[in-house]
Amino acid sequence: MTEHTIRIDGSDVAFACPDGETVLDAAARAGIELPYSCRKGVCGNCRAHLLDGRLVPGTEGGSHETGIRDANEHLLCRARPDSDLLIAPRHWQRTDPGERKTLQAKVFRVQRPAPDVTVLQLRLPAGVRARFKAGQHLQVLLPAGERRPYSMANAPHDNDNLQLHIRHEAGGRFSDGLLPTLQVGDTLSVELAHGDFWLREDSERPLLLAAGGTGFAPIRSIVEHLIRQRSGRAARLYWGGRVPADLYAPEQLARWKTTRPSLEVETVLSRPPADGSWTGRTGRLPAALLADLGEGSLADHEVYACGAPALVAALREVCTGPLGLPAGRFHSDAFVSQGPA
């Protein structure tokens, strides 16, 4: 089997990538964490510049929707090398692959706050604690080797349990197959932690948090962590949905008014009920940001956005465009449908 050497520009880092493996997977195996989220070529978080070398035809590219703007920019979750490569990712860090753990978690509580949303509470064995950063996700390990990623909605200090917010997908192997059969006391295998979407705590910049639907889960983890740390960072939260049921945690928003009164919260519906029962804001989340925030107003901010890929792409355009956010301060996690397979 042929192996190619991948080098990271401006560093002495080099790792091997065998034929048929993506650059992102090879980096992870070598203990190099590059930005990523969906691993399906949709979210654009793993985009990087190719400074030298060739990719296997058909694995290049990306689109404007994924944040690709330059001819030599590609998605590393898709890119497979056809020669040695020199890449320039947006950022990278060394990790210890052994720190990622597979844990056995028992179902403790199953709640249905909306017709198509389940909040699954898992409890870890006595003395076992989950290690993760606010905003990261885990992978549920299914029979036959399949995996499903879900963000952890609990904060890192609340680490003897795991809370997942799961939207049901018709035909979904987990959400429509295994999940409805789970009973209290059943066991699931989970692997954590995963993902580049986590709160950067080496900054005191004001925060803009934006969520669509169950993209609220990692945002909840971040807000709960800020409260626990008694952080003084200014923060503003926008949570959008189509219908009222998509905003399935009103009691949580009410609690934050007490525990984090400085947190500004805006809820927005794109398809409000025709009976007039919704008296809040209407429209799309990016439009709400444009209406509320002046041109260039995010120049000194950091943004954390989570939701469907189209929403995340639209938020990126608005934030890094007219609102003036530097592109490197837009952190995102796109919730991509896994399909029934």
Protein backbone atom coordinates (compact mmCIF):
# COMPACT_ATOMS: atom_id res chain seq x y z
CA MET A 1 0.00 0.00 0.00
CA THR A 2 1.33 3.42 -0.98
CA GLU A 3 1.63 6.04 1.77
CA HIS A 4 1.88 9.75 1.20
CA THR A 5 3.41 12.26 3.61
CA ILE A 6 1.21 15.16 4.69
CA ARG A 7 2.99 18.22 6.06
CA ILE A 8 1.40 21.21 7.82
CA ASP A 9 2.67 24.56 6.64
CA GLY A 10 4.71 26.56 9.15
CA SER A 11 5.39 23.59 11.40
CA ASP A 12 7.52 20.46 11.63
CA VAL A 13 4.40 18.26 11.71
CA ALA A 14 4.23 15.44 9.18
CA PHE A 15 2.06 12.33 9.13
CA ALA A 16 1.42 9.41 6.80
CA CYS A 17 -1.77 8.99 4.79
CA PRO A 18 -2.27 5.64 3.00
CA ASP A 19 -4.06 5.37 -0.32
CA GLY A 20 -7.81 5.51 0.14
CA GLU A 21 -7.75 7.39 3.46
CA THR A 22 -8.81 10.99 3.85
CA VAL A 23 -6.40 13.60 5.15
CA LEU A 24 -8.71 14.26 8.11
CA ASP A 25 -8.80 10.60 9.17
CA ALA A 26 -5.04 10.18 8.76
CA ALA A 27 -4.38 13.28 10.88
CA ALA A 28 -6.65 12.03 13.68
CA ARG A 29 -4.91 8.66 13.68
CA ALA A 30 -1.58 10.47 14.05
CA GLY A 31 -2.78 12.56 17.00
CA ILE A 32 -3.26 15.76 14.99
CA GLU A 33 -6.68 17.34 15.44
CA LEU A 34 -7.84 19.46 12.52
CA PRO A 35 -11.12 21.39 12.51
CA TYR A 36 -14.13 19.24 11.62
CA SER A 37 -17.76 18.63 12.42
CA CYS A 38 -19.98 16.59 10.12
CA ARG A 39 -17.30 14.57 8.27
CA LYS A 40 -19.73 14.35 5.33
CA GLY A 41 -18.56 17.26 3.16
CA VAL A 42 -21.43 19.52 4.18
CA CYS A 43 -20.48 21.81 7.07
CA GLY A 44 -17.19 23.16 5.68
CA ASN A 45 -15.38 23.22 9.02
CA CYS A 46 -12.52 21.07 7.72
CA ARG A 47 -11.66 23.31 4.78
CA ALA A 48 -7.95 23.98 4.28
CA HIS A 49 -5.62 25.30 1.60
CA LEU A 50 -3.52 22.89 -0.45
CA LEU A 51 -0.16 24.59 -1.01
CA ASP A 52 1.62 21.74 -2.78
CA GLY A 53 0.77 18.29 -4.13
CA ARG A 54 -2.17 16.59 -5.86
CA LEU A 55 -5.44 15.12 -4.67
CA VAL A 56 -7.18 12.08 -6.11
CA PRO A 57 -9.55 13.38 -8.82
CA GLY A 58 -13.07 13.70 -7.50
CA THR A 59 -11.98 14.37 -3.92
CA GLU A 60 -11.14 18.03 -4.49
CA GLY A 61 -13.35 21.04 -4.21
CA GLY A 62 -16.15 22.23 -2.04
CA SER A 63 -18.73 24.93 -2.57
CA HIS A 64 -19.46 28.48 -1.57
CA GLU A 65 -22.01 27.08 0.90
CA THR A 66 -19.22 25.25 2.73
CA GLY A 67 -17.10 28.40 2.94
CA ILE A 68 -14.82 27.51 0.01
CA ARG A 69 -13.74 30.64 -1.83
CA ASP A 70 -10.29 29.83 -3.23
CA ALA A 71 -9.37 27.42 -6.00
CA ASN A 72 -6.79 25.69 -3.80
CA GLU A 73 -9.12 25.28 -0.81
CA HIS A 74 -10.57 21.82 -0.15
CA LEU A 75 -12.50 19.79 2.43
CA LEU A 76 -10.12 17.50 4.30
CA CYS A 77 -12.90 15.05 5.21
CA ARG A 78 -13.15 14.31 1.47
CA ALA A 79 -9.59 14.99 0.26
CA ARG A 80 -7.47 11.92 -0.50
CA PRO A 81 -3.84 12.46 -1.52
CA ASP A 82 -2.41 11.41 -4.86
CA SER A 83 1.08 12.60 -3.83
CA ASP A 84 2.82 14.09 -0.81
CA LEU A 85 0.94 17.21 0.33
CA LEU A 86 1.63 20.53 2.04
CA ILE A 87 -1.55 21.86 3.66
CA ALA A 88 -2.52 25.01 5.55
CA PRO A 89 -5.51 24.24 7.82
CA ARG A 90 -7.31 27.03 9.64
CA HIS A 91 -5.77 25.72 12.85
CA TRP A 92 -4.57 22.45 14.35
CA GLN A 93 -3.44 20.97 17.64
CA ARG A 94 -1.75 17.85 18.92
CA THR A 95 -3.96 15.43 20.80
CA ASP A 96 -3.54 12.14 22.56
CA PRO A 97 -5.72 9.59 20.70
CA GLY A 98 -5.78 7.57 23.94
CA GLU A 99 -7.72 10.33 25.72
CA ARG A 100 -10.83 9.47 23.72
CA LYS A 101 -12.77 6.94 25.78
CA THR A 102 -15.53 4.43 25.12
CA LEU A 103 -17.93 4.38 28.06
CA GLN A 104 -20.95 2.31 28.97
CA ALA A 105 -23.84 4.58 29.92
CA LYS A 106 -27.23 3.58 31.29
CA VAL A 107 -30.48 5.21 30.28
CA PHE A 108 -31.65 7.25 33.25
CA ARG A 109 -34.48 9.34 31.83
CA VAL A 110 -36.27 9.69 28.48
CA GLN A 111 -38.31 12.83 27.87
CA ARG A 112 -40.25 14.03 24.81
CA PRO A 113 -40.44 17.85 25.01
CA ALA A 114 -41.63 18.07 21.40
CA PRO A 115 -43.23 15.60 18.98
CA ASP A 116 -39.97 15.12 17.08
CA VAL A 117 -37.41 15.70 19.87
CA THR A 118 -36.24 13.34 22.61
CA VAL A 119 -34.06 14.42 25.51
CA LEU A 120 -32.07 11.37 26.53
CA GLN A 121 -30.39 11.40 29.93
CA LEU A 122 -27.60 8.85 30.40
CA ARG A 123 -25.84 8.02 33.66
CA LEU A 124 -22.25 6.77 33.83
CA PRO A 125 -21.05 4.02 36.19
CA ALA A 126 -20.16 5.04 39.74
CA GLY A 127 -16.82 6.81 39.85
CA VAL A 128 -16.64 7.34 36.07
CA ARG A 129 -16.51 10.89 34.75
CA ALA A 130 -16.76 12.08 31.17
CA ARG A 131 -14.04 14.45 29.97
CA PHE A 132 -15.05 16.96 27.31
CA LYS A 133 -15.16 20.65 26.50
CA ALA A 134 -18.34 22.71 26.46
CA GLY A 135 -19.90 22.29 23.02
CA GLN A 136 -18.31 18.99 21.97
CA HIS A 137 -20.18 15.86 20.89
CA LEU A 138 -20.03 12.13 21.47
CA GLN A 139 -20.70 9.20 19.18
CA VAL A 140 -23.27 6.55 20.01
CA LEU A 141 -21.84 3.19 18.94
CA LEU A 142 -24.46 1.05 17.24
CA PRO A 143 -24.45 -2.63 16.30
CA ALA A 144 -22.62 -3.52 13.08
CA GLY A 145 -20.10 -0.75 13.70
CA GLU A 146 -22.33 2.22 12.90
CA ARG A 147 -22.00 5.51 14.77
CA ARG A 148 -24.27 8.47 15.36
CA PRO A 149 -22.96 11.83 16.64
CA TYR A 150 -24.89 13.86 19.21
CA SER A 151 -23.83 16.99 21.06
CA MET A 152 -23.68 16.90 24.83
CA ALA A 153 -26.10 19.40 26.33
CA ASN A 154 -24.70 19.14 29.86
CA ALA A 155 -21.72 21.23 30.94
CA PRO A 156 -18.27 19.69 31.55
CA HIS A 157 -18.60 19.97 35.35
CA ASP A 158 -21.83 17.93 35.23
CA ASN A 159 -19.85 14.93 34.07
CA ASP A 160 -21.28 11.86 35.76
CA ASN A 161 -24.11 11.93 33.24
CA LEU A 162 -24.69 12.83 29.60
CA GLN A 163 -27.66 14.70 28.15
CA LEU A 164 -28.49 14.38 24.45
CA HIS A 165 -31.13 16.28 22.45
CA ILE A 166 -32.16 14.05 19.55
CA ARG A 167 -34.34 15.06 16.62
CA HIS A 168 -36.24 12.15 15.12
CA GLU A 169 -35.56 11.32 11.48
CA ALA A 170 -37.93 9.09 9.55
CA GLY A 171 -36.14 5.81 8.98
CA GLY A 172 -33.18 6.85 11.12
CA ARG A 173 -31.29 3.82 12.40
CA PHE A 174 -30.98 5.27 15.90
CA SER A 175 -33.58 8.04 16.26
CA ASP A 176 -36.41 6.10 14.59
CA GLY A 177 -35.13 2.58 15.26
CA LEU A 178 -33.30 1.99 18.53
CA LEU A 179 -34.24 5.13 20.46
CA PRO A 180 -38.01 4.44 20.74
CA THR A 181 -37.25 1.01 22.22
CA LEU A 182 -34.92 2.23 24.99
CA GLN A 183 -36.04 1.70 28.56
CA VAL A 184 -34.64 3.07 31.81
CA GLY A 185 -31.69 0.86 32.75
CA ASP A 186 -30.74 -0.06 29.18
CA THR A 187 -27.07 0.44 28.26
CA LEU A 188 -25.53 2.35 25.37
CA SER A 189 -21.88 2.47 24.31
CA VAL A 190 -20.64 6.00 23.69
CA GLU A 191 -17.28 7.38 22.61
CA LEU A 192 -16.10 10.87 23.54
CA ALA A 193 -15.03 13.50 23.14
CA HIS A 194 -15.28 14.54 19.52
CA GLY A 195 -15.41 17.77 17.57
CA ASP A 196 -13.78 21.14 17.12
CA PHE A 197 -16.88 23.01 18.31
CA TRP A 198 -16.05 24.01 21.87
CA LEU A 199 -15.85 27.21 23.88
CA ARG A 200 -12.48 28.95 23.61
CA GLU A 201 -11.80 30.08 27.16
CA ASP A 202 -8.58 31.95 26.44
CA SER A 203 -10.64 34.92 25.26
CA GLU A 204 -12.82 37.51 26.95
CA ARG A 205 -14.45 38.70 23.73
CA PRO A 206 -18.24 39.12 23.75
CA LEU A 207 -20.13 36.04 22.58
CA LEU A 208 -22.91 35.64 20.07
CA LEU A 209 -24.53 32.20 20.34
CA ALA A 210 -26.90 31.06 17.58
CA ALA A 211 -28.86 27.80 17.44
CA GLY A 212 -31.43 26.26 15.17
CA GLY A 213 -33.69 23.54 16.62
CA THR A 214 -31.69 20.87 18.49
CA GLY A 215 -28.56 22.89 17.74
CA PHE A 216 -29.55 24.31 21.12
CA ALA A 217 -27.89 21.31 22.83
CA PRO A 218 -24.20 22.36 22.59
CA ILE A 219 -25.18 26.00 23.15
CA ARG A 220 -26.82 24.91 26.41
CA SER A 221 -23.55 23.25 27.42
CA ILE A 222 -21.64 26.46 26.70
CA VAL A 223 -24.06 28.70 28.65
CA GLU A 224 -24.13 26.33 31.63
CA HIS A 225 -20.32 26.31 31.62
CA LEU A 226 -20.18 30.12 31.57
CA ILE A 227 -22.52 30.19 34.56
CA ARG A 228 -20.46 27.60 36.45
CA GLN A 229 -17.24 29.53 35.76
CA ARG A 230 -18.89 32.79 36.79
CA SER A 231 -17.66 34.24 33.56
CA GLY A 232 -18.16 37.93 33.03
CA ARG A 233 -18.14 37.67 29.23
CA ALA A 234 -21.04 39.41 27.56
CA ALA A 235 -23.23 36.90 25.75
CA ARG A 236 -26.28 37.04 23.51
CA LEU A 237 -28.28 33.99 22.41
CA TYR A 238 -30.48 33.60 19.34
CA TRP A 239 -32.56 30.41 19.08
CA GLY A 240 -34.57 29.85 15.94
CA GLY A 241 -37.10 27.28 14.78
CA ARG A 242 -39.88 26.79 12.30
CA VAL A 243 -42.78 26.25 14.72
CA PRO A 244 -43.16 26.77 18.50
CA ALA A 245 -42.38 23.10 19.27
CA ASP A 246 -38.88 23.61 17.84
CA LEU A 247 -38.13 25.88 20.81
CA TYR A 248 -38.63 22.96 23.17
CA ALA A 249 -36.91 24.22 26.35
CA PRO A 250 -38.71 27.39 27.50
CA GLU A 251 -38.15 26.45 31.15
CA GLN A 252 -34.40 26.47 30.54
CA LEU A 253 -34.55 29.98 29.08
CA ALA A 254 -36.60 31.06 32.09
CA ARG A 255 -34.00 29.66 34.51
CA TRP A 256 -31.22 31.53 32.76
CA LYS A 257 -33.06 34.80 33.42
CA THR A 258 -32.30 34.12 37.09
CA THR A 259 -28.91 32.40 36.94
CA ARG A 260 -27.46 34.51 34.09
CA PRO A 261 -29.56 37.70 33.93
CA SER A 262 -26.99 39.38 31.70
CA LEU A 263 -27.64 36.81 28.96
CA GLU A 264 -29.80 38.37 26.26
CA VAL A 265 -32.09 35.80 24.63
CA GLU A 266 -34.00 36.16 21.36
CA THR A 267 -36.31 33.44 20.00
CA VAL A 268 -37.42 33.52 16.37
CA LEU A 269 -39.88 31.43 14.33
CA SER A 270 -39.80 31.18 10.55
CA ARG A 271 -43.27 29.54 10.27
CA PRO A 272 -45.37 30.91 13.15
CA PRO A 273 -48.87 29.48 13.65
CA ALA A 274 -51.58 31.23 11.68
CA ASP A 275 -53.85 31.52 14.73
CA GLY A 276 -51.77 34.32 16.17
CA SER A 277 -50.78 32.36 19.28
CA TRP A 278 -47.11 33.21 18.69
CA THR A 279 -46.46 36.79 19.74
CA GLY A 280 -42.68 36.67 19.47
CA ARG A 281 -40.35 37.45 16.60
CA THR A 282 -40.82 35.95 13.18
CA GLY A 283 -38.52 35.44 10.21
CA ARG A 284 -35.19 33.72 9.75
CA LEU A 285 -32.34 33.84 12.22
CA PRO A 286 -29.78 35.54 9.92
CA ALA A 287 -32.30 38.28 9.17
CA ALA A 288 -32.87 38.80 12.90
CA LEU A 289 -29.13 39.29 13.41
CA LEU A 290 -29.00 41.82 10.59
CA ALA A 291 -31.97 43.69 12.03
CA ASP A 292 -30.54 43.83 15.56
CA LEU A 293 -26.83 44.34 14.98
CA GLY A 294 -25.23 47.20 13.13
CA GLU A 295 -22.79 46.88 10.27
CA GLY A 296 -19.39 45.80 11.56
CA SER A 297 -20.75 45.28 15.09
CA LEU A 298 -19.24 41.80 15.46
CA ALA A 299 -15.66 42.89 14.76
CA ASP A 300 -14.61 42.20 18.36
CA HIS A 301 -16.89 39.18 18.97
CA GLU A 302 -16.75 35.42 18.76
CA VAL A 303 -19.68 33.52 17.28
CA TYR A 304 -20.76 29.96 18.07
CA ALA A 305 -23.43 28.67 15.68
CA CYS A 306 -25.09 25.27 15.53
CA GLY A 307 -27.92 23.88 13.44
CA ALA A 308 -28.74 22.63 9.97
CA PRO A 309 -26.02 23.16 7.33
CA ALA A 310 -28.04 25.72 5.36
CA LEU A 311 -28.65 27.77 8.50
CA VAL A 312 -25.00 27.62 9.55
CA ALA A 313 -23.89 28.69 6.06
CA ALA A 314 -26.33 31.62 6.09
CA LEU A 315 -25.17 32.69 9.55
CA ARG A 316 -21.56 32.53 8.41
CA GLU A 317 -22.31 34.76 5.43
CA VAL A 318 -24.08 37.36 7.57
CA CYS A 319 -21.59 37.34 10.43
CA THR A 320 -18.38 37.41 8.39
CA GLY A 321 -19.92 39.73 5.80
CA PRO A 322 -21.91 42.82 6.80
CA LEU A 323 -21.54 42.25 10.56
CA GLY A 324 -17.74 42.31 10.29
CA LEU A 325 -16.77 39.16 12.20
CA PRO A 326 -13.25 37.88 11.37
CA ALA A 327 -13.70 34.49 9.69
CA GLY A 328 -11.46 32.74 12.22
CA ARG A 329 -13.86 33.64 15.04
CA PHE A 330 -16.88 31.90 13.52
CA HIS A 331 -17.11 28.51 15.24
CA SER A 332 -19.79 26.16 13.98
CA ASP A 333 -21.27 22.71 14.17
CA ALA A 334 -23.64 21.62 11.42
CA PHE A 335 -26.17 18.93 12.28
CA VAL A 336 -26.19 16.73 9.20
CA SER A 337 -28.82 14.04 8.67
CA GLN A 338 -27.28 10.59 8.87
CA GLY A 339 -30.06 8.99 6.84
CA PRO A 340 -31.51 5.53 7.40
CA ALA A 341 -28.37 3.68 6.38
